[in-house]
């Protein structure tokens, strides 16, 4: 069974809630999933998994969620060669049209720069997350099938 770590950062609980649904989809696709809050995760752990899924909301004018800053900085110098990756997150295109879900794009680029193969298109949720729970699970299943 493929081992996947899903690491999320959540200030308001939205990305955490989405993570639960993405994880359910991954599990439906027969992946063994470990879900971790980024504040309790370490970059060194990534070596223990076949695939890495990041979930991060975008704040302000295109910033990562606060807890993701240190983790993202700690990724400098690591190799994710041979790992698979995917990224999702919520954003607000109405109030921040020029920076909608920028954090998702930042994390995708970081995975690629460190050698991971991106296996699914970024999943970006606009506005309220609850209506996207079913889509989040379907996206998780799609990621699992790409493994």
C-alpha atoms as a PDB file:
ATOM      1  CA  UNK A   1       0.000   0.000   0.000  1.00  0.00           C
ATOM      2  CA  UNK A   2       1.263   3.472  -0.896  1.00  0.00           C
ATOM      3  CA  UNK A   3       2.098   5.648   2.116  1.00  0.00           C
ATOM      4  CA  UNK A   4       0.883   9.252   1.892  1.00  0.00           C
ATOM      5  CA  UNK A   5       1.411  12.098   4.309  1.00  0.00           C
ATOM      6  CA  UNK A   6      -1.132  14.895   4.173  1.00  0.00           C
ATOM      7  CA  UNK A   7       0.247  17.978   5.903  1.00  0.00           C
ATOM      8  CA  UNK A   8      -2.082  20.918   6.381  1.00  0.00           C
ATOM      9  CA  UNK A   9      -1.948  24.363   7.932  1.00  0.00           C
ATOM     10  CA  UNK A  10      -5.210  25.744   9.262  1.00  0.00           C
ATOM     11  CA  UNK A  11      -5.925  28.938  11.164  1.00  0.00           C
ATOM     12  CA  UNK A  12      -9.722  28.975  11.013  1.00  0.00           C
ATOM     13  CA  UNK A  13     -10.320  25.214  10.639  1.00  0.00           C
ATOM     14  CA  UNK A  14     -11.275  25.346   6.962  1.00  0.00           C
ATOM     15  CA  UNK A  15      -8.166  23.630   5.618  1.00  0.00           C
ATOM     16  CA  UNK A  16      -8.282  21.093   8.436  1.00  0.00           C
ATOM     17  CA  UNK A  17     -11.876  20.215   7.478  1.00  0.00           C
ATOM     18  CA  UNK A  18     -10.907  19.925   3.811  1.00  0.00           C
ATOM     19  CA  UNK A  19      -7.991  17.688   4.816  1.00  0.00           C
ATOM     20  CA  UNK A  20     -10.350  15.179   6.387  1.00  0.00           C
ATOM     21  CA  UNK A  21     -12.245  14.861   3.110  1.00  0.00           C
ATOM     22  CA  UNK A  22      -9.121  14.697   0.959  1.00  0.00           C
ATOM     23  CA  UNK A  23      -7.801  11.974   3.289  1.00  0.00           C
ATOM     24  CA  UNK A  24     -11.068  10.041   2.933  1.00  0.00           C
ATOM     25  CA  UNK A  25     -10.651  10.098  -0.850  1.00  0.00           C
ATOM     26  CA  UNK A  26      -7.035   8.970  -0.590  1.00  0.00           C
ATOM     27  CA  UNK A  27      -8.105   6.082   1.640  1.00  0.00           C
ATOM     28  CA  UNK A  28     -10.883   5.123  -0.790  1.00  0.00           C
ATOM     29  CA  UNK A  29      -8.118   4.886  -3.365  1.00  0.00           C
ATOM     30  CA  UNK A  30      -6.307   2.391  -1.115  1.00  0.00           C
ATOM     31  CA  UNK A  31      -3.592   4.725   0.150  1.00  0.00           C
ATOM     32  CA  UNK A  32      -2.314   4.527   3.714  1.00  0.00           C
ATOM     33  CA  UNK A  33      -2.727   8.113   4.927  1.00  0.00           C
ATOM     34  CA  UNK A  34      -1.172  10.006   7.808  1.00  0.00           C
ATOM     35  CA  UNK A  35      -2.737  13.420   8.409  1.00  0.00           C
ATOM     36  CA  UNK A  36      -0.618  15.980  10.261  1.00  0.00           C
ATOM     37  CA  UNK A  37      -0.971  19.595  11.275  1.00  0.00           C
ATOM     38  CA  UNK A  38       2.085  21.370   9.839  1.00  0.00           C
ATOM     39  CA  UNK A  39       2.760  22.842  13.296  1.00  0.00           C
ATOM     40  CA  UNK A  40       3.401  19.272  14.506  1.00  0.00           C
ATOM     41  CA  UNK A  41       5.226  17.992  11.410  1.00  0.00           C
ATOM     42  CA  UNK A  42       8.894  17.956  10.502  1.00  0.00           C
ATOM     43  CA  UNK A  43      10.504  18.073   7.089  1.00  0.00           C
ATOM     44  CA  UNK A  44      12.584  15.015   7.994  1.00  0.00           C
ATOM     45  CA  UNK A  45       9.380  12.923   8.140  1.00  0.00           C
ATOM     46  CA  UNK A  46       8.796  13.370   4.405  1.00  0.00           C
ATOM     47  CA  UNK A  47      11.413  10.700   3.703  1.00  0.00           C
ATOM     48  CA  UNK A  48       9.093   8.088   5.266  1.00  0.00           C
ATOM     49  CA  UNK A  49       6.362   8.486   2.643  1.00  0.00           C
ATOM     50  CA  UNK A  50       5.839   7.725  -1.040  1.00  0.00           C
ATOM     51  CA  UNK A  51       3.674  10.785  -1.587  1.00  0.00           C
ATOM     52  CA  UNK A  52       3.226  14.202  -0.030  1.00  0.00           C
ATOM     53  CA  UNK A  53      -0.014  16.182  -0.092  1.00  0.00           C
ATOM     54  CA  UNK A  54       0.006  19.728   1.233  1.00  0.00           C
ATOM     55  CA  UNK A  55      -3.098  21.673   2.231  1.00  0.00           C
ATOM     56  CA  UNK A  56      -2.685  25.391   2.806  1.00  0.00           C
ATOM     57  CA  UNK A  57      -4.902  28.440   2.707  1.00  0.00           C
ATOM     58  CA  UNK A  58      -3.707  31.734   1.267  1.00  0.00           C
ATOM     59  CA  UNK A  59      -3.596  34.771   3.515  1.00  0.00           C
ATOM     60  CA  UNK A  60      -3.460  38.461   2.687  1.00  0.00           C
ATOM     61  CA  UNK A  61      -1.856  39.244  -0.619  1.00  0.00           C
ATOM     62  CA  UNK A  62      -0.609  35.722  -1.304  1.00  0.00           C
ATOM     63  CA  UNK A  63       1.049  34.465   1.878  1.00  0.00           C
ATOM     64  CA  UNK A  64       1.270  30.939   3.224  1.00  0.00           C
ATOM     65  CA  UNK A  65      -0.766  30.131   6.314  1.00  0.00           C
ATOM     66  CA  UNK A  66       1.313  31.204   9.357  1.00  0.00           C
ATOM     67  CA  UNK A  67       2.259  27.708  10.545  1.00  0.00           C
ATOM     68  CA  UNK A  68       3.595  26.792   7.099  1.00  0.00           C
ATOM     69  CA  UNK A  69       6.367  29.435   7.021  1.00  0.00           C
ATOM     70  CA  UNK A  70       8.900  27.563   9.179  1.00  0.00           C
ATOM     71  CA  UNK A  71       8.143  24.209   7.544  1.00  0.00           C
ATOM     72  CA  UNK A  72       8.512  25.698   4.072  1.00  0.00           C
ATOM     73  CA  UNK A  73      11.813  27.357   5.022  1.00  0.00           C
ATOM     74  CA  UNK A  74      13.069  24.062   6.502  1.00  0.00           C
ATOM     75  CA  UNK A  75      12.562  22.378   3.119  1.00  0.00           C
ATOM     76  CA  UNK A  76      15.624  24.180   1.743  1.00  0.00           C
ATOM     77  CA  UNK A  77      18.262  21.625   0.868  1.00  0.00           C
ATOM     78  CA  UNK A  78      16.124  18.486   1.058  1.00  0.00           C
ATOM     79  CA  UNK A  79      15.573  16.131  -1.842  1.00  0.00           C
ATOM     80  CA  UNK A  80      12.141  14.766  -2.660  1.00  0.00           C
ATOM     81  CA  UNK A  81      13.360  12.887  -5.709  1.00  0.00           C
ATOM     82  CA  UNK A  82      11.208   9.798  -6.232  1.00  0.00           C
ATOM     83  CA  UNK A  83       8.304  11.250  -4.231  1.00  0.00           C
ATOM     84  CA  UNK A  84       4.892  12.129  -5.638  1.00  0.00           C
ATOM     85  CA  UNK A  85       3.134  15.346  -4.667  1.00  0.00           C
ATOM     86  CA  UNK A  86      -0.114  17.285  -4.809  1.00  0.00           C
ATOM     87  CA  UNK A  87      -1.449  20.482  -3.234  1.00  0.00           C
ATOM     88  CA  UNK A  88      -4.846  21.910  -2.304  1.00  0.00           C
ATOM     89  CA  UNK A  89      -6.202  24.869  -0.412  1.00  0.00           C
ATOM     90  CA  UNK A  90      -8.938  27.432   0.029  1.00  0.00           C
ATOM     91  CA  UNK A  91      -8.831  31.058  -0.988  1.00  0.00           C
ATOM     92  CA  UNK A  92     -10.982  34.086  -1.725  1.00  0.00           C
ATOM     93  CA  UNK A  93     -11.084  35.266  -5.324  1.00  0.00           C
ATOM     94  CA  UNK A  94     -13.602  38.017  -4.581  1.00  0.00           C
ATOM     95  CA  UNK A  95     -11.462  39.947  -2.080  1.00  0.00           C
ATOM     96  CA  UNK A  96      -8.079  38.807  -3.422  1.00  0.00           C
ATOM     97  CA  UNK A  97      -8.437  38.206  -7.167  1.00  0.00           C
ATOM     98  CA  UNK A  98      -4.740  38.784  -7.923  1.00  0.00           C
ATOM     99  CA  UNK A  99      -3.501  36.403  -5.239  1.00  0.00           C
ATOM    100  CA  UNK A 100      -6.231  33.736  -5.229  1.00  0.00           C
ATOM    101  CA  UNK A 101      -4.781  30.519  -3.780  1.00  0.00           C
ATOM    102  CA  UNK A 102      -1.195  31.701  -4.268  1.00  0.00           C
ATOM    103  CA  UNK A 103      -0.083  29.546  -1.325  1.00  0.00           C
ATOM    104  CA  UNK A 104      -1.170  26.445  -3.254  1.00  0.00           C
ATOM    105  CA  UNK A 105       0.993  27.497  -6.191  1.00  0.00           C
ATOM    106  CA  UNK A 106       3.965  28.299  -3.908  1.00  0.00           C
ATOM    107  CA  UNK A 107       3.854  24.846  -2.321  1.00  0.00           C
ATOM    108  CA  UNK A 108       3.470  23.085  -5.673  1.00  0.00           C
ATOM    109  CA  UNK A 109       6.526  24.897  -7.000  1.00  0.00           C
ATOM    110  CA  UNK A 110       8.444  24.019  -3.859  1.00  0.00           C
ATOM    111  CA  UNK A 111       7.625  20.319  -4.234  1.00  0.00           C
ATOM    112  CA  UNK A 112       8.793  20.445  -7.852  1.00  0.00           C
ATOM    113  CA  UNK A 113      11.977  22.364  -7.004  1.00  0.00           C
ATOM    114  CA  UNK A 114      12.875  19.666  -4.483  1.00  0.00           C
ATOM    115  CA  UNK A 115      12.358  16.858  -6.996  1.00  0.00           C
ATOM    116  CA  UNK A 116       8.819  15.620  -6.336  1.00  0.00           C
ATOM    117  CA  UNK A 117       6.624  14.677  -9.282  1.00  0.00           C
ATOM    118  CA  UNK A 118       3.292  16.515  -9.220  1.00  0.00           C
ATOM    119  CA  UNK A 119       0.575  13.959  -9.948  1.00  0.00           C
ATOM    120  CA  UNK A 120      -2.608  16.050  -9.825  1.00  0.00           C
ATOM    121  CA  UNK A 121      -3.678  19.528 -10.784  1.00  0.00           C
ATOM    122  CA  UNK A 122      -3.820  21.910  -7.829  1.00  0.00           C
ATOM    123  CA  UNK A 123      -7.217  21.794  -6.118  1.00  0.00           C
ATOM    124  CA  UNK A 124      -8.305  25.342  -5.256  1.00  0.00           C
ATOM    125  CA  UNK A 125     -11.469  26.058  -3.298  1.00  0.00           C
ATOM    126  CA  UNK A 126     -13.029  29.503  -3.629  1.00  0.00           C
ATOM    127  CA  UNK A 127     -14.858  30.867  -0.591  1.00  0.00           C
ATOM    128  CA  UNK A 128     -16.810  28.607   1.740  1.00  0.00           C
ATOM    129  CA  UNK A 129     -15.285  25.129   2.049  1.00  0.00           C
ATOM    130  CA  UNK A 130     -18.272  23.081   3.168  1.00  0.00           C
ATOM    131  CA  UNK A 131     -19.852  22.962  -0.315  1.00  0.00           C
ATOM    132  CA  UNK A 132     -16.509  21.605  -1.607  1.00  0.00           C
ATOM    133  CA  UNK A 133     -16.241  18.613   0.748  1.00  0.00           C
ATOM    134  CA  UNK A 134     -17.502  16.140  -1.867  1.00  0.00           C
ATOM    135  CA  UNK A 135     -15.131  17.594  -4.474  1.00  0.00           C
ATOM    136  CA  UNK A 136     -12.263  17.383  -1.960  1.00  0.00           C
ATOM    137  CA  UNK A 137     -12.906  13.677  -1.463  1.00  0.00           C
ATOM    138  CA  UNK A 138     -13.098  13.137  -5.237  1.00  0.00           C
ATOM    139  CA  UNK A 139      -9.793  15.007  -5.653  1.00  0.00           C
ATOM    140  CA  UNK A 140      -8.201  12.817  -2.969  1.00  0.00           C
ATOM    141  CA  UNK A 141      -9.370   9.713  -4.827  1.00  0.00           C
ATOM    142  CA  UNK A 142      -7.947  11.120  -8.067  1.00  0.00           C
ATOM    143  CA  UNK A 143      -4.584  11.654  -6.343  1.00  0.00           C
ATOM    144  CA  UNK A 144      -4.633   8.096  -4.987  1.00  0.00           C
ATOM    145  CA  UNK A 145      -5.355   6.681  -8.435  1.00  0.00           C
ATOM    146  CA  UNK A 146      -2.389   8.627  -9.839  1.00  0.00           C
ATOM    147  CA  UNK A 147      -0.086   6.905  -7.378  1.00  0.00           C
END
